[in-house]
C-alpha atoms as a PDB file:
ATOM      1  CA  MET A   1      86.129-216.870  47.881  1.00  0.00           C
ATOM      2  CA  SER A   2      82.532-217.899  48.350  1.00  0.00           C
ATOM      3  CA  VAL A   3      79.083-217.374  46.900  1.00  0.00           C
ATOM      4  CA  LYS A   4      78.073-216.045  50.317  1.00  0.00           C
ATOM      5  CA  GLY A   5      77.011-212.425  50.090  1.00  0.00           C
ATOM      6  CA  LYS A   6      77.043-212.300  46.302  1.00  0.00           C
ATOM      7  CA  VAL A   7      74.051-211.143  44.285  1.00  0.00           C
ATOM      8  CA  VAL A   8      73.276-213.553  41.450  1.00  0.00           C
ATOM      9  CA  VAL A   9      70.732-212.865  38.712  1.00  0.00           C
ATOM     10  CA  ILE A  10      69.386-216.041  37.066  1.00  0.00           C
ATOM     11  CA  THR A  11      67.308-216.221  33.895  1.00  0.00           C
ATOM     12  CA  GLY A  12      65.295-219.306  33.060  1.00  0.00           C
ATOM     13  CA  ALA A  13      64.817-219.605  36.813  1.00  0.00           C
ATOM     14  CA  SER A  14      61.285-221.014  36.877  1.00  0.00           C
ATOM     15  CA  SER A  15      62.321-224.671  36.509  1.00  0.00           C
ATOM     16  CA  GLY A  16      65.165-227.081  35.842  1.00  0.00           C
ATOM     17  CA  ILE A  17      68.737-225.836  36.008  1.00  0.00           C
ATOM     18  CA  GLY A  18      67.760-222.283  36.921  1.00  0.00           C
ATOM     19  CA  GLU A  19      65.487-223.271  39.790  1.00  0.00           C
ATOM     20  CA  VAL A  20      67.884-225.795  41.294  1.00  0.00           C
ATOM     21  CA  THR A  21      70.819-223.407  40.986  1.00  0.00           C
ATOM     22  CA  ALA A  22      68.914-220.603  42.685  1.00  0.00           C
ATOM     23  CA  LYS A  23      68.061-222.839  45.623  1.00  0.00           C
ATOM     24  CA  LEU A  24      71.623-224.140  46.007  1.00  0.00           C
ATOM     25  CA  LEU A  25      73.219-220.688  45.834  1.00  0.00           C
ATOM     26  CA  ALA A  26      70.692-219.229  48.276  1.00  0.00           C
ATOM     27  CA  LYS A  27      71.307-222.117  50.661  1.00  0.00           C
ATOM     28  CA  ASN A  28      74.975-221.144  50.601  1.00  0.00           C
ATOM     29  CA  GLY A  29      74.380-217.475  51.341  1.00  0.00           C
ATOM     30  CA  ALA A  30      73.907-215.842  47.944  1.00  0.00           C
ATOM     31  CA  MET A  31      71.114-213.364  47.271  1.00  0.00           C
ATOM     32  CA  VAL A  32      69.291-214.451  44.132  1.00  0.00           C
ATOM     33  CA  MET A  33      67.144-212.509  41.694  1.00  0.00           C
ATOM     34  CA  LEU A  34      64.978-214.901  39.689  1.00  0.00           C
ATOM     35  CA  GLY A  35      63.866-214.116  36.160  1.00  0.00           C
ATOM     36  CA  ALA A  36      61.613-216.058  33.753  1.00  0.00           C
ATOM     37  CA  ARG A  37      58.293-215.670  31.970  1.00  0.00           C
ATOM     38  CA  ARG A  38      56.223-217.735  34.436  1.00  0.00           C
ATOM     39  CA  GLU A  39      55.693-215.315  37.291  1.00  0.00           C
ATOM     40  CA  ASP A  40      53.617-217.767  39.318  1.00  0.00           C
ATOM     41  CA  ARG A  41      56.479-220.259  39.339  1.00  0.00           C
ATOM     42  CA  LEU A  42      58.980-217.560  40.288  1.00  0.00           C
ATOM     43  CA  TYR A  43      56.798-216.494  43.205  1.00  0.00           C
ATOM     44  CA  LYS A  44      56.674-220.044  44.578  1.00  0.00           C
ATOM     45  CA  ILE A  45      60.417-220.613  44.228  1.00  0.00           C
ATOM     46  CA  ALA A  46      61.359-217.259  45.769  1.00  0.00           C
ATOM     47  CA  ASN A  47      58.912-217.822  48.630  1.00  0.00           C
ATOM     48  CA  GLU A  48      60.377-221.272  49.298  1.00  0.00           C
ATOM     49  CA  ILE A  49      63.884-219.835  49.420  1.00  0.00           C
ATOM     50  CA  ASN A  50      62.869-217.015  51.763  1.00  0.00           C
ATOM     51  CA  VAL A  51      60.893-219.307  54.071  1.00  0.00           C
ATOM     52  CA  ASN A  52      63.961-221.533  54.386  1.00  0.00           C
ATOM     53  CA  GLY A  53      66.165-218.638  55.478  1.00  0.00           C
ATOM     54  CA  GLY A  54      67.582-217.539  52.139  1.00  0.00           C
ATOM     55  CA  ARG A  55      67.140-214.276  50.282  1.00  0.00           C
ATOM     56  CA  ALA A  56      65.396-214.192  46.932  1.00  0.00           C
ATOM     57  CA  ASP A  57      63.338-211.860  44.812  1.00  0.00           C
ATOM     58  CA  PHE A  58      61.880-212.237  41.328  1.00  0.00           C
ATOM     59  CA  ARG A  59      60.709-210.414  38.250  1.00  0.00           C
ATOM     60  CA  ALA A  60      58.971-211.714  35.157  1.00  0.00           C
ATOM     61  CA  VAL A  61      61.214-211.322  32.120  1.00  0.00           C
ATOM     62  CA  ASP A  62      61.285-212.188  28.440  1.00  0.00           C
ATOM     63  CA  VAL A  63      64.991-212.388  27.642  1.00  0.00           C
ATOM     64  CA  THR A  64      64.374-211.549  23.982  1.00  0.00           C
ATOM     65  CA  LYS A  65      63.427-208.005  25.061  1.00  0.00           C
ATOM     66  CA  PRO A  66      66.464-205.927  26.093  1.00  0.00           C
ATOM     67  CA  GLU A  67      64.440-203.516  28.181  1.00  0.00           C
ATOM     68  CA  GLU A  68      63.022-206.372  30.277  1.00  0.00           C
ATOM     69  CA  VAL A  69      66.470-207.819  30.945  1.00  0.00           C
ATOM     70  CA  GLU A  70      67.700-204.356  31.937  1.00  0.00           C
ATOM     71  CA  ALA A  71      64.724-204.063  34.291  1.00  0.00           C
ATOM     72  CA  LEU A  72      65.620-207.421  35.845  1.00  0.00           C
ATOM     73  CA  ILE A  73      69.137-206.203  36.589  1.00  0.00           C
ATOM     74  CA  LYS A  74      67.774-202.944  37.997  1.00  0.00           C
ATOM     75  CA  ALA A  75      65.402-204.939  40.208  1.00  0.00           C
ATOM     76  CA  ALA A  76      68.357-206.883  41.608  1.00  0.00           C
ATOM     77  CA  GLN A  77      70.148-203.636  42.398  1.00  0.00           C
ATOM     78  CA  ASP A  78      67.036-202.229  44.062  1.00  0.00           C
ATOM     79  CA  SER A  79      66.472-205.373  46.136  1.00  0.00           C
ATOM     80  CA  PHE A  80      70.043-206.209  47.111  1.00  0.00           C
ATOM     81  CA  GLY A  81      72.151-203.132  46.387  1.00  0.00           C
ATOM     82  CA  LYS A  82      74.439-204.601  43.740  1.00  0.00           C
ATOM     83  CA  VAL A  83      74.958-207.283  41.094  1.00  0.00           C
ATOM     84  CA  ASP A  84      77.923-209.651  41.122  1.00  0.00           C
ATOM     85  CA  VAL A  85      76.891-212.474  38.789  1.00  0.00           C
ATOM     86  CA  ILE A  86      74.473-213.072  35.947  1.00  0.00           C
ATOM     87  CA  PHE A  87      73.603-216.636  34.962  1.00  0.00           C
ATOM     88  CA  ASN A  88      72.221-216.544  31.423  1.00  0.00           C
ATOM     89  CA  ASN A  89      70.360-219.817  31.628  1.00  0.00           C
ATOM     90  CA  ALA A  90      67.177-219.240  29.627  1.00  0.00           C
ATOM     91  CA  GLY A  91      67.061-221.372  26.490  1.00  0.00           C
ATOM     92  CA  ILE A  92      64.857-223.495  24.247  1.00  0.00           C
ATOM     93  CA  MET A  93      65.545-226.675  22.241  1.00  0.00           C
ATOM     94  CA  PRO A  94      62.808-227.456  19.673  1.00  0.00           C
ATOM     95  CA  ASN A  95      65.085-229.720  17.626  1.00  0.00           C
ATOM     96  CA  SER A  96      64.190-231.066  14.205  1.00  0.00           C
ATOM     97  CA  PRO A  97      65.926-232.114  10.974  1.00  0.00           C
ATOM     98  CA  MET A  98      66.971-229.225   8.750  1.00  0.00           C
ATOM     99  CA  SER A  99      64.849-230.769   5.990  1.00  0.00           C
ATOM    100  CA  ALA A 100      61.729-230.181   8.112  1.00  0.00           C
ATOM    101  CA  VAL A 101      62.275-226.440   7.570  1.00  0.00           C
ATOM    102  CA  ARG A 102      60.617-225.413  10.838  1.00  0.00           C
ATOM    103  CA  THR A 103      61.711-221.810  10.375  1.00  0.00           C
ATOM    104  CA  ALA A 104      59.488-220.349  13.088  1.00  0.00           C
ATOM    105  CA  GLU A 105      61.277-222.551  15.624  1.00  0.00           C
ATOM    106  CA  TRP A 106      64.657-221.631  14.121  1.00  0.00           C
ATOM    107  CA  ASN A 107      63.937-217.936  14.604  1.00  0.00           C
ATOM    108  CA  LYS A 108      62.682-218.452  18.140  1.00  0.00           C
ATOM    109  CA  MET A 109      65.871-220.327  19.072  1.00  0.00           C
ATOM    110  CA  ILE A 110      67.962-217.515  17.641  1.00  0.00           C
ATOM    111  CA  ASP A 111      65.955-214.960  19.620  1.00  0.00           C
ATOM    112  CA  VAL A 112      66.144-216.803  22.944  1.00  0.00           C
ATOM    113  CA  ASN A 113      69.436-218.695  22.778  1.00  0.00           C
ATOM    114  CA  ILE A 114      71.585-216.016  21.136  1.00  0.00           C
ATOM    115  CA  LYS A 115      69.861-212.656  21.532  1.00  0.00           C
ATOM    116  CA  GLY A 116      68.718-213.541  25.042  1.00  0.00           C
ATOM    117  CA  VAL A 117      72.307-214.196  26.100  1.00  0.00           C
ATOM    118  CA  LEU A 118      73.557-211.031  24.410  1.00  0.00           C
ATOM    119  CA  ASN A 119      70.838-209.035  26.157  1.00  0.00           C
ATOM    120  CA  GLY A 120      72.059-210.411  29.476  1.00  0.00           C
ATOM    121  CA  ILE A 121      75.660-209.508  28.697  1.00  0.00           C
ATOM    122  CA  ALA A 122      74.639-206.030  27.556  1.00  0.00           C
ATOM    123  CA  ALA A 123      72.582-205.405  30.700  1.00  0.00           C
ATOM    124  CA  VAL A 124      75.436-206.114  33.114  1.00  0.00           C
ATOM    125  CA  MET A 125      78.422-204.947  31.066  1.00  0.00           C
ATOM    126  CA  PRO A 126      78.268-201.256  32.087  1.00  0.00           C
ATOM    127  CA  ILE A 127      77.909-202.241  35.742  1.00  0.00           C
ATOM    128  CA  PHE A 128      80.708-204.814  35.717  1.00  0.00           C
ATOM    129  CA  THR A 129      82.995-202.513  33.732  1.00  0.00           C
ATOM    130  CA  ALA A 130      82.483-199.628  36.154  1.00  0.00           C
ATOM    131  CA  GLN A 131      83.012-201.737  39.284  1.00  0.00           C
ATOM    132  CA  LYS A 132      85.853-203.706  37.634  1.00  0.00           C
ATOM    133  CA  HIS A 133      84.517-207.083  38.662  1.00  0.00           C
ATOM    134  CA  GLY A 134      81.658-209.380  37.804  1.00  0.00           C
ATOM    135  CA  HIS A 135      80.921-212.857  36.552  1.00  0.00           C
ATOM    136  CA  ILE A 136      78.931-213.835  33.454  1.00  0.00           C
ATOM    137  CA  ILE A 137      77.848-217.491  33.377  1.00  0.00           C
ATOM    138  CA  THR A 138      75.966-218.919  30.413  1.00  0.00           C
ATOM    139  CA  THR A 139      74.381-222.265  29.629  1.00  0.00           C
ATOM    140  CA  SER A 140      75.479-223.521  26.225  1.00  0.00           C
ATOM    141  CA  SER A 141      75.285-227.246  25.375  1.00  0.00           C
ATOM    142  CA  VAL A 142      77.441-230.117  24.177  1.00  0.00           C
ATOM    143  CA  ALA A 143      75.664-229.253  20.915  1.00  0.00           C
ATOM    144  CA  GLY A 144      77.781-226.111  21.031  1.00  0.00           C
ATOM    145  CA  LEU A 145      80.915-228.260  20.898  1.00  0.00           C
ATOM    146  CA  LYS A 146      79.943-231.116  18.584  1.00  0.00           C
ATOM    147  CA  ASN A 147      77.610-231.639  15.644  1.00  0.00           C
ATOM    148  CA  TYR A 148      74.451-233.641  16.305  1.00  0.00           C
ATOM    149  CA  VAL A 149      71.911-234.819  13.752  1.00  0.00           C
ATOM    150  CA  GLY A 150      68.585-233.109  14.413  1.00  0.00           C
ATOM    151  CA  SER A 151      70.087-230.106  16.186  1.00  0.00           C
ATOM    152  CA  GLY A 152      71.470-228.010  13.348  1.00  0.00           C
ATOM    153  CA  VAL A 153      69.979-224.687  14.390  1.00  0.00           C
ATOM    154  CA  TYR A 154      70.019-225.376  18.122  1.00  0.00           C
ATOM    155  CA  GLY A 155      73.690-226.301  17.862  1.00  0.00           C
ATOM    156  CA  ALA A 156      74.390-223.199  15.802  1.00  0.00           C
ATOM    157  CA  THR A 157      72.947-221.004  18.558  1.00  0.00           C
ATOM    158  CA  LYS A 158      75.069-222.760  21.156  1.00  0.00           C
ATOM    159  CA  PHE A 159      78.244-222.479  19.068  1.00  0.00           C
ATOM    160  CA  ALA A 160      77.503-218.744  18.879  1.00  0.00           C
ATOM    161  CA  VAL A 161      77.272-218.553  22.669  1.00  0.00           C
ATOM    162  CA  LYS A 162      80.670-220.248  22.988  1.00  0.00           C
ATOM    163  CA  ASN A 163      82.283-217.616  20.780  1.00  0.00           C
ATOM    164  CA  ALA A 164      80.581-214.618  22.382  1.00  0.00           C
ATOM    165  CA  MET A 165      81.536-215.738  25.877  1.00  0.00           C
ATOM    166  CA  GLU A 166      85.182-216.444  25.078  1.00  0.00           C
ATOM    167  CA  VAL A 167      85.607-213.117  23.287  1.00  0.00           C
ATOM    168  CA  THR A 168      84.027-211.369  26.293  1.00  0.00           C
ATOM    169  CA  ARG A 169      86.616-213.020  28.533  1.00  0.00           C
ATOM    170  CA  MET A 170      89.519-212.091  26.251  1.00  0.00           C
ATOM    171  CA  GLU A 171      88.422-208.481  25.892  1.00  0.00           C
ATOM    172  CA  SER A 172      87.916-208.087  29.633  1.00  0.00           C
ATOM    173  CA  ALA A 173      91.446-209.356  30.238  1.00  0.00           C
ATOM    174  CA  ASN A 174      92.791-206.859  27.713  1.00  0.00           C
ATOM    175  CA  GLU A 175      90.735-204.015  29.161  1.00  0.00           C
ATOM    176  CA  GLY A 176      91.589-204.819  32.793  1.00  0.00           C
ATOM    177  CA  THR A 177      87.973-204.996  33.925  1.00  0.00           C
ATOM    178  CA  ASN A 178      88.356-208.376  35.685  1.00  0.00           C
ATOM    179  CA  ILE A 179      85.077-209.766  34.326  1.00  0.00           C
ATOM    180  CA  ARG A 180      85.008-213.528  34.616  1.00  0.00           C
ATOM    181  CA  THR A 181      83.101-215.692  32.148  1.00  0.00           C
ATOM    182  CA  THR A 182      82.026-219.297  32.483  1.00  0.00           C
ATOM    183  CA  THR A 183      80.351-221.267  29.703  1.00  0.00           C
ATOM    184  CA  ILE A 184      78.635-224.513  30.656  1.00  0.00           C
ATOM    185  CA  TYR A 185      78.124-227.340  28.169  1.00  0.00           C
ATOM    186  CA  PRO A 186      75.554-229.782  29.606  1.00  0.00           C
ATOM    187  CA  ALA A 187      74.849-233.105  27.919  1.00  0.00           C
ATOM    188  CA  ALA A 188      71.691-235.078  28.830  1.00  0.00           C
ATOM    189  CA  ILE A 189      70.232-233.187  31.783  1.00  0.00           C
ATOM    190  CA  ASN A 190      66.605-233.819  32.742  1.00  0.00           C
ATOM    191  CA  THR A 191      64.746-230.520  32.324  1.00  0.00           C
ATOM    192  CA  GLU A 192      61.598-229.241  30.588  1.00  0.00           C
ATOM    193  CA  LEU A 193      63.444-228.642  27.292  1.00  0.00           C
ATOM    194  CA  LEU A 194      62.186-231.886  25.799  1.00  0.00           C
ATOM    195  CA  ASN A 195      58.569-230.818  26.309  1.00  0.00           C
ATOM    196  CA  HIS A 196      58.865-228.287  23.508  1.00  0.00           C
ATOM    197  CA  VAL A 197      60.254-230.475  20.711  1.00  0.00           C
ATOM    198  CA  GLY A 198      57.523-230.290  18.084  1.00  0.00           C
ATOM    199  CA  ASP A 199      58.933-232.699  15.502  1.00  0.00           C
ATOM    200  CA  GLU A 200      57.412-236.019  16.580  1.00  0.00           C
ATOM    201  CA  LYS A 201      60.196-238.355  15.471  1.00  0.00           C
ATOM    202  CA  THR A 202      62.892-236.136  16.962  1.00  0.00           C
ATOM    203  CA  ALA A 203      60.942-235.812  20.215  1.00  0.00           C
ATOM    204  CA  ALA A 204      60.501-239.588  20.526  1.00  0.00           C
ATOM    205  CA  ASN A 205      64.188-240.248  19.893  1.00  0.00           C
ATOM    206  CA  MET A 206      65.310-237.603  22.361  1.00  0.00           C
ATOM    207  CA  LYS A 207      62.919-238.730  25.099  1.00  0.00           C
ATOM    208  CA  ASN A 208      64.170-242.286  24.749  1.00  0.00           C
ATOM    209  CA  PHE A 209      67.785-241.105  24.887  1.00  0.00           C
ATOM    210  CA  TYR A 210      67.203-238.964  27.965  1.00  0.00           C
ATOM    211  CA  LYS A 211      65.332-241.807  29.646  1.00  0.00           C
ATOM    212  CA  GLN A 212      68.484-243.909  29.332  1.00  0.00           C
ATOM    213  CA  HIS A 213      71.065-241.270  30.158  1.00  0.00           C
ATOM    214  CA  GLY A 214      69.541-238.138  31.688  1.00  0.00           C
ATOM    215  CA  ILE A 215      70.726-236.921  35.102  1.00  0.00           C
ATOM    216  CA  SER A 216      69.461-234.306  37.545  1.00  0.00           C
ATOM    217  CA  PRO A 217      70.014-230.569  36.961  1.00  0.00           C
ATOM    218  CA  ASP A 218      71.647-230.549  40.400  1.00  0.00           C
ATOM    219  CA  ALA A 219      74.815-231.538  38.537  1.00  0.00           C
ATOM    220  CA  ILE A 220      74.852-228.182  36.757  1.00  0.00           C
ATOM    221  CA  ALA A 221      73.946-226.227  39.899  1.00  0.00           C
ATOM    222  CA  ARG A 222      76.994-227.626  41.682  1.00  0.00           C
ATOM    223  CA  VAL A 223      79.213-226.573  38.779  1.00  0.00           C
ATOM    224  CA  VAL A 224      77.808-223.033  38.842  1.00  0.00           C
ATOM    225  CA  LYS A 225      78.510-222.783  42.565  1.00  0.00           C
ATOM    226  CA  PHE A 226      82.042-224.115  42.036  1.00  0.00           C
ATOM    227  CA  ALA A 227      82.748-221.512  39.353  1.00  0.00           C
ATOM    228  CA  ILE A 228      81.513-218.640  41.526  1.00  0.00           C
ATOM    229  CA  ASP A 229      83.442-219.974  44.533  1.00  0.00           C
ATOM    230  CA  GLN A 230      86.822-219.487  42.844  1.00  0.00           C
ATOM    231  CA  PRO A 231      89.105-216.605  43.895  1.00  0.00           C
ATOM    232  CA  GLU A 232      88.502-213.420  41.932  1.00  0.00           C
ATOM    233  CA  ASP A 233      91.780-213.854  40.048  1.00  0.00           C
ATOM    234  CA  VAL A 234      90.721-217.315  38.814  1.00  0.00           C
ATOM    235  CA  ASP A 235      88.405-217.739  35.845  1.00  0.00           C
ATOM    236  CA  ILE A 236      87.319-221.263  34.976  1.00  0.00           C
ATOM    237  CA  SER A 237      85.980-220.447  31.557  1.00  0.00           C
ATOM    238  CA  GLU A 238      84.407-223.740  30.437  1.00  0.00           C
ATOM    239  CA  PHE A 239      82.793-226.857  31.884  1.00  0.00           C
ATOM    240  CA  THR A 240      81.450-229.860  29.971  1.00  0.00           C
ATOM    241  CA  ILE A 241      79.134-232.073  32.024  1.00  0.00           C
ATOM    242  CA  TYR A 242      78.136-235.563  30.852  1.00  0.00           C
ATOM    243  CA  PRO A 243      76.195-238.309  32.557  1.00  0.00           C
ATOM    244  CA  THR A 244      78.736-241.050  33.285  1.00  0.00           C
ATOM    245  CA  ASN A 245      76.909-243.490  31.006  1.00  0.00           C
ATOM    246  CA  GLN A 246      76.574-241.136  28.030  1.00  0.00           C
ATOM    247  CA  ALA A 247      79.143-242.047  25.369  1.00  0.00           C
END
């Protein structure tokens, strides 16, 4: 199989992993619908893709609002006639020690990292169930596999994503709907996530760590393409991606 001709909806598409993935998939013949809050960034990315011979459209979306995610999916159908893949990539990482009790940030992570993913799943599930095919890809984190000091709530949201995605896969297999799921666990990938860490000590430590180990989001984009490229009867359900020098 190939990504060519598939319609892929990407959230968190205005920078980092989402932007790079959109460009790579479009370069290889996919039609991409870009979603994020920063409409100006989406316009520039979609225009770049279209100028270079790809096909892209965009819609501003706040993934914490179910109706906006549903509208994003509808926009993809209107623009390209169908939806084959959703890449739930939107996420935030304002890490801090639990003792800092930054509850506003905790709640925002829950809204974006958990509810945002569930809203994406809910928006495509009726479509994928009816057509008996589809692919749900979600960005989790190595913090969704292991415990890290300073990422108690962030890690909790990413552990939740792991469970929701695997249960979705299992239920689809039982129901015969052929919905593939792929959960991605990136380690130190250079994106804008670090810009929103409000706890000063945590931010300094993380920036130093990423300076030593961080790699390009292109690494994740290639994995997304690989997952989509598999035959329809093959579901590679999980990928963990580390920089080579990250222990």
